[in-house]
N, C-alpha and C. Protein backbone atom coordinates (compact mmCIF):
# COMPACT_ATOMS: atom_id res chain seq x y z
N UNK A 1 54.88 43.65 -28.97
CA UNK A 1 56.14 44.32 -28.80
C UNK A 1 56.49 45.15 -30.04
N UNK A 2 56.25 44.59 -31.20
CA UNK A 2 56.55 45.32 -32.44
C UNK A 2 55.70 46.58 -32.53
N UNK A 3 54.39 46.42 -32.26
CA UNK A 3 53.48 47.57 -32.34
C UNK A 3 53.88 48.64 -31.33
N UNK A 4 54.17 48.23 -30.11
CA UNK A 4 54.55 49.20 -29.07
C UNK A 4 55.84 49.93 -29.45
N UNK A 5 56.81 49.19 -29.97
CA UNK A 5 58.07 49.82 -30.36
C UNK A 5 57.85 50.79 -31.52
N UNK A 6 57.06 50.36 -32.50
CA UNK A 6 56.78 51.24 -33.65
C UNK A 6 56.09 52.52 -33.19
N UNK A 7 55.07 52.36 -32.33
CA UNK A 7 54.34 53.53 -31.86
C UNK A 7 55.24 54.47 -31.06
N UNK A 8 56.17 53.92 -30.29
CA UNK A 8 57.06 54.78 -29.50
C UNK A 8 57.98 55.61 -30.39
N UNK A 9 58.18 55.15 -31.62
CA UNK A 9 58.98 55.91 -32.59
C UNK A 9 58.12 56.65 -33.60
N UNK A 10 56.79 56.73 -33.34
CA UNK A 10 55.89 57.44 -34.23
C UNK A 10 55.61 56.70 -35.53
N UNK A 11 55.77 55.40 -35.51
CA UNK A 11 55.55 54.58 -36.71
C UNK A 11 54.35 53.67 -36.49
N UNK A 12 53.95 53.02 -37.55
CA UNK A 12 52.93 51.98 -37.43
C UNK A 12 53.53 50.68 -37.92
N UNK A 13 52.96 49.60 -37.47
CA UNK A 13 53.45 48.28 -37.89
C UNK A 13 52.26 47.42 -38.28
N UNK A 14 52.46 46.60 -39.25
CA UNK A 14 51.42 45.65 -39.68
C UNK A 14 52.05 44.27 -39.75
N UNK A 15 51.35 43.31 -39.17
CA UNK A 15 51.84 41.93 -39.20
C UNK A 15 50.72 41.05 -39.71
N UNK A 16 51.09 40.03 -40.43
CA UNK A 16 50.12 39.05 -40.92
C UNK A 16 50.68 37.65 -40.66
N UNK A 17 49.80 36.76 -40.32
CA UNK A 17 50.20 35.38 -40.05
C UNK A 17 49.93 34.54 -41.28
N UNK A 18 50.92 33.77 -41.68
CA UNK A 18 50.77 32.85 -42.81
C UNK A 18 51.14 31.46 -42.36
N UNK A 19 50.35 30.53 -42.74
CA UNK A 19 50.64 29.13 -42.45
C UNK A 19 50.81 28.43 -43.79
N UNK A 20 52.04 28.28 -44.23
CA UNK A 20 52.32 27.77 -45.56
C UNK A 20 52.29 26.24 -45.66
N UNK A 21 52.10 25.57 -44.55
CA UNK A 21 52.11 24.11 -44.59
C UNK A 21 50.69 23.58 -44.75
N UNK A 22 50.49 22.77 -45.75
CA UNK A 22 49.19 22.13 -45.93
C UNK A 22 48.97 21.12 -44.81
N UNK A 23 47.74 20.98 -44.40
CA UNK A 23 47.43 20.00 -43.35
C UNK A 23 47.71 18.60 -43.87
N UNK A 24 48.36 17.81 -43.06
CA UNK A 24 48.58 16.40 -43.40
C UNK A 24 47.37 15.61 -42.94
N UNK A 25 46.58 15.16 -43.87
CA UNK A 25 45.35 14.43 -43.53
C UNK A 25 45.60 12.96 -43.81
N UNK A 26 45.58 12.16 -42.76
CA UNK A 26 45.82 10.73 -42.91
C UNK A 26 44.66 10.05 -43.62
N UNK A 27 44.99 9.16 -44.52
CA UNK A 27 44.02 8.36 -45.24
C UNK A 27 43.63 7.18 -44.33
N UNK A 28 42.34 6.93 -44.17
CA UNK A 28 41.84 5.93 -43.22
C UNK A 28 42.47 4.56 -43.47
N UNK A 29 42.50 4.11 -44.72
CA UNK A 29 43.05 2.79 -45.02
C UNK A 29 44.55 2.74 -44.70
N UNK A 30 45.28 3.83 -44.97
CA UNK A 30 46.71 3.86 -44.67
C UNK A 30 46.95 3.80 -43.17
N UNK A 31 46.11 4.48 -42.40
CA UNK A 31 46.22 4.44 -40.93
C UNK A 31 46.00 3.00 -40.44
N UNK A 32 45.00 2.35 -41.00
CA UNK A 32 44.73 0.96 -40.61
C UNK A 32 45.91 0.06 -40.96
N UNK A 33 46.52 0.27 -42.11
CA UNK A 33 47.69 -0.53 -42.50
C UNK A 33 48.86 -0.31 -41.54
N UNK A 34 49.12 0.94 -41.19
CA UNK A 34 50.22 1.24 -40.28
C UNK A 34 49.95 0.61 -38.91
N UNK A 35 48.74 0.76 -38.40
CA UNK A 35 48.41 0.19 -37.09
C UNK A 35 48.55 -1.33 -37.11
N UNK A 36 48.10 -1.95 -38.18
CA UNK A 36 48.21 -3.41 -38.31
C UNK A 36 49.69 -3.82 -38.41
N UNK A 37 50.47 -3.08 -39.19
CA UNK A 37 51.90 -3.39 -39.34
C UNK A 37 52.63 -3.24 -38.01
N UNK A 38 52.31 -2.19 -37.27
CA UNK A 38 52.95 -2.00 -35.96
C UNK A 38 52.58 -3.14 -35.02
N UNK A 39 51.31 -3.50 -35.01
CA UNK A 39 50.86 -4.60 -34.16
C UNK A 39 51.55 -5.90 -34.56
N UNK A 40 51.60 -6.18 -35.87
CA UNK A 40 52.27 -7.39 -36.36
C UNK A 40 53.75 -7.40 -36.04
N UNK A 41 54.35 -6.21 -35.93
CA UNK A 41 55.77 -6.10 -35.60
C UNK A 41 55.99 -6.09 -34.09
N UNK A 42 54.90 -6.26 -33.33
CA UNK A 42 55.04 -6.30 -31.88
C UNK A 42 55.21 -4.94 -31.23
N UNK A 43 54.80 -3.88 -31.93
CA UNK A 43 54.94 -2.53 -31.40
C UNK A 43 53.59 -1.99 -30.94
N UNK A 44 53.56 -1.35 -29.80
CA UNK A 44 52.30 -0.77 -29.33
C UNK A 44 51.89 0.42 -30.20
N UNK A 45 50.60 0.61 -30.32
CA UNK A 45 50.06 1.76 -31.06
C UNK A 45 49.35 2.65 -30.07
N UNK A 46 49.71 3.92 -30.06
CA UNK A 46 49.08 4.89 -29.17
C UNK A 46 48.44 5.96 -30.04
N UNK A 47 47.16 6.19 -29.83
CA UNK A 47 46.42 7.18 -30.61
C UNK A 47 46.42 8.51 -29.88
N UNK A 48 46.75 9.57 -30.58
CA UNK A 48 46.73 10.90 -29.98
C UNK A 48 45.29 11.40 -29.88
N UNK A 49 44.94 12.05 -28.78
CA UNK A 49 43.56 12.52 -28.62
C UNK A 49 43.21 13.70 -29.52
N UNK A 50 44.21 14.45 -29.96
CA UNK A 50 43.98 15.64 -30.79
C UNK A 50 44.94 15.59 -31.98
N UNK A 51 44.56 16.23 -33.10
CA UNK A 51 45.50 16.34 -34.22
C UNK A 51 46.78 17.05 -33.79
N UNK A 52 47.85 16.71 -34.45
CA UNK A 52 49.15 17.31 -34.12
C UNK A 52 49.75 17.90 -35.39
N UNK A 53 50.45 18.99 -35.26
CA UNK A 53 50.99 19.71 -36.43
C UNK A 53 52.36 19.17 -36.84
N UNK A 54 52.40 17.91 -37.23
CA UNK A 54 53.65 17.33 -37.71
C UNK A 54 53.71 17.30 -39.22
N UNK A 55 52.79 17.93 -39.90
CA UNK A 55 52.65 17.69 -41.33
C UNK A 55 53.83 18.20 -42.16
N UNK A 56 54.31 19.40 -41.89
CA UNK A 56 55.31 20.04 -42.71
C UNK A 56 55.00 19.79 -44.19
N UNK A 57 55.92 19.20 -44.94
CA UNK A 57 55.65 18.98 -46.37
C UNK A 57 54.83 17.72 -46.62
N UNK A 58 54.60 16.91 -45.60
CA UNK A 58 53.83 15.69 -45.79
C UNK A 58 52.40 16.00 -46.21
N UNK A 59 51.88 17.15 -45.82
CA UNK A 59 50.54 17.56 -46.22
C UNK A 59 50.42 17.71 -47.73
N UNK A 60 51.49 18.14 -48.38
CA UNK A 60 51.49 18.23 -49.84
C UNK A 60 51.38 16.83 -50.44
N UNK A 61 52.06 15.88 -49.83
CA UNK A 61 52.04 14.50 -50.33
C UNK A 61 50.65 13.89 -50.17
N UNK A 62 50.06 14.00 -48.97
CA UNK A 62 48.75 13.37 -48.75
C UNK A 62 47.62 14.10 -49.47
N UNK A 63 47.87 15.29 -49.97
CA UNK A 63 46.87 15.96 -50.78
C UNK A 63 46.74 15.28 -52.15
N UNK A 64 47.79 14.58 -52.56
CA UNK A 64 47.78 13.92 -53.88
C UNK A 64 47.72 12.41 -53.80
N UNK A 65 48.23 11.82 -52.71
CA UNK A 65 48.33 10.38 -52.59
C UNK A 65 47.85 9.94 -51.21
N UNK A 66 47.20 8.79 -51.11
CA UNK A 66 46.80 8.30 -49.78
C UNK A 66 48.05 7.98 -48.96
N UNK A 67 48.04 8.37 -47.72
CA UNK A 67 49.18 8.11 -46.85
C UNK A 67 48.81 8.31 -45.41
N UNK A 68 49.75 7.98 -44.54
CA UNK A 68 49.56 8.18 -43.11
C UNK A 68 50.90 8.54 -42.49
N UNK A 69 50.90 9.58 -41.71
CA UNK A 69 52.09 10.00 -41.00
C UNK A 69 52.04 9.40 -39.61
N UNK A 70 53.10 8.71 -39.23
CA UNK A 70 53.17 8.16 -37.88
C UNK A 70 54.56 8.40 -37.32
N UNK A 71 54.68 8.28 -36.03
CA UNK A 71 55.97 8.52 -35.39
C UNK A 71 56.34 7.32 -34.53
N UNK A 72 57.63 7.18 -34.34
CA UNK A 72 58.15 6.20 -33.39
C UNK A 72 58.52 6.99 -32.14
N UNK A 73 57.76 6.83 -31.09
CA UNK A 73 57.99 7.62 -29.89
C UNK A 73 59.31 7.29 -29.21
N UNK A 74 60.08 8.31 -28.91
CA UNK A 74 61.36 8.13 -28.24
C UNK A 74 61.24 8.37 -26.74
N UNK A 75 60.07 8.81 -26.29
CA UNK A 75 59.88 9.08 -24.87
C UNK A 75 60.04 10.55 -24.56
N UNK A 76 59.68 10.92 -23.37
CA UNK A 76 59.71 12.32 -22.97
C UNK A 76 61.07 12.77 -22.46
N UNK A 77 61.98 11.83 -22.20
CA UNK A 77 63.30 12.19 -21.67
C UNK A 77 64.29 12.54 -22.78
N UNK A 78 63.85 12.52 -24.03
CA UNK A 78 64.72 12.82 -25.17
C UNK A 78 64.52 14.28 -25.57
N UNK A 79 65.60 14.94 -25.95
CA UNK A 79 65.50 16.34 -26.40
C UNK A 79 64.58 16.42 -27.61
N UNK A 80 63.89 17.54 -27.79
CA UNK A 80 63.00 17.70 -28.94
C UNK A 80 63.75 17.54 -30.27
N UNK A 81 63.01 17.11 -31.28
CA UNK A 81 63.58 16.76 -32.59
C UNK A 81 64.46 17.85 -33.20
N UNK A 82 64.03 19.09 -33.20
CA UNK A 82 64.81 20.14 -33.85
C UNK A 82 65.70 20.90 -32.88
N UNK A 83 65.95 20.32 -31.73
CA UNK A 83 66.82 20.93 -30.73
C UNK A 83 68.28 20.61 -31.08
N UNK A 84 69.20 21.52 -30.80
CA UNK A 84 70.62 21.22 -31.04
C UNK A 84 71.11 20.05 -30.17
N UNK A 85 70.38 19.75 -29.10
CA UNK A 85 70.78 18.65 -28.21
C UNK A 85 70.20 17.31 -28.64
N UNK A 86 69.38 17.30 -29.70
CA UNK A 86 68.73 16.05 -30.12
C UNK A 86 69.78 15.04 -30.60
N UNK A 87 69.63 13.82 -30.14
CA UNK A 87 70.47 12.71 -30.57
C UNK A 87 69.53 11.55 -30.88
N UNK A 88 69.44 11.18 -32.15
CA UNK A 88 68.51 10.13 -32.54
C UNK A 88 68.76 8.87 -31.72
N UNK A 89 67.70 8.35 -31.08
CA UNK A 89 67.85 7.12 -30.30
C UNK A 89 67.95 5.90 -31.23
N UNK A 90 69.12 5.34 -31.32
CA UNK A 90 69.34 4.19 -32.21
C UNK A 90 68.41 3.02 -31.91
N UNK A 91 67.88 2.95 -30.70
CA UNK A 91 66.96 1.87 -30.35
C UNK A 91 65.67 1.92 -31.18
N UNK A 92 65.41 3.04 -31.84
CA UNK A 92 64.20 3.16 -32.68
C UNK A 92 64.38 2.55 -34.06
N UNK A 93 65.61 2.29 -34.46
CA UNK A 93 65.85 1.78 -35.81
C UNK A 93 65.18 0.42 -36.01
N UNK A 94 65.41 -0.51 -35.11
CA UNK A 94 64.85 -1.85 -35.28
C UNK A 94 63.32 -1.86 -35.32
N UNK A 95 62.63 -1.22 -34.37
CA UNK A 95 61.17 -1.23 -34.48
C UNK A 95 60.67 -0.53 -35.74
N UNK A 96 61.35 0.54 -36.16
CA UNK A 96 60.95 1.24 -37.38
C UNK A 96 61.10 0.35 -38.60
N UNK A 97 62.21 -0.36 -38.69
CA UNK A 97 62.44 -1.27 -39.81
C UNK A 97 61.39 -2.37 -39.80
N UNK A 98 61.07 -2.89 -38.63
CA UNK A 98 60.06 -3.95 -38.55
C UNK A 98 58.69 -3.47 -39.04
N UNK A 99 58.32 -2.26 -38.67
CA UNK A 99 57.02 -1.72 -39.11
C UNK A 99 57.02 -1.55 -40.63
N UNK A 100 58.07 -0.93 -41.16
CA UNK A 100 58.12 -0.74 -42.61
C UNK A 100 58.20 -2.08 -43.35
N UNK A 101 58.90 -3.05 -42.79
CA UNK A 101 58.95 -4.38 -43.40
C UNK A 101 57.54 -4.98 -43.47
N UNK A 102 56.78 -4.85 -42.41
CA UNK A 102 55.41 -5.36 -42.40
C UNK A 102 54.56 -4.64 -43.44
N UNK A 103 54.71 -3.33 -43.55
CA UNK A 103 53.95 -2.56 -44.54
C UNK A 103 54.31 -3.00 -45.96
N UNK A 104 55.58 -3.13 -46.23
CA UNK A 104 56.03 -3.54 -47.56
C UNK A 104 55.52 -4.94 -47.87
N UNK A 105 55.66 -5.85 -46.91
CA UNK A 105 55.21 -7.23 -47.11
C UNK A 105 53.70 -7.27 -47.42
N UNK A 106 52.91 -6.51 -46.68
CA UNK A 106 51.47 -6.50 -46.90
C UNK A 106 51.12 -5.91 -48.27
N UNK A 107 51.81 -4.83 -48.65
CA UNK A 107 51.50 -4.19 -49.93
C UNK A 107 51.91 -5.05 -51.12
N UNK A 108 53.00 -5.80 -50.98
CA UNK A 108 53.47 -6.64 -52.08
C UNK A 108 52.80 -8.02 -52.13
N UNK A 109 52.17 -8.38 -51.02
CA UNK A 109 51.50 -9.70 -50.94
C UNK A 109 50.08 -9.53 -50.45
N UNK A 110 49.22 -8.92 -51.26
CA UNK A 110 47.85 -8.64 -50.78
C UNK A 110 47.02 -9.88 -50.50
């Protein structure tokens, strides 16, 4: 559309794509810890078949420190995260706390 509009006015347009977010690469041991913590907290673990672009600034973190990005699924009936209609499902607080409690407990009591 930009190129067509520019050409219709006798102009040229140049566009370049930039992806400023570093890829968030999960550390294998951290993934295993999260999966174990979720299981110990009684939460199901679902593995995505393909990588997902949730990294944002987390990719900068995992470039320097081992880590794993995981999500607490709210289901498909919830508005998308950055939507103005999004309302955080409070039911996710307890399972999230349980998973992080398990992670902290494991890390402090090897």
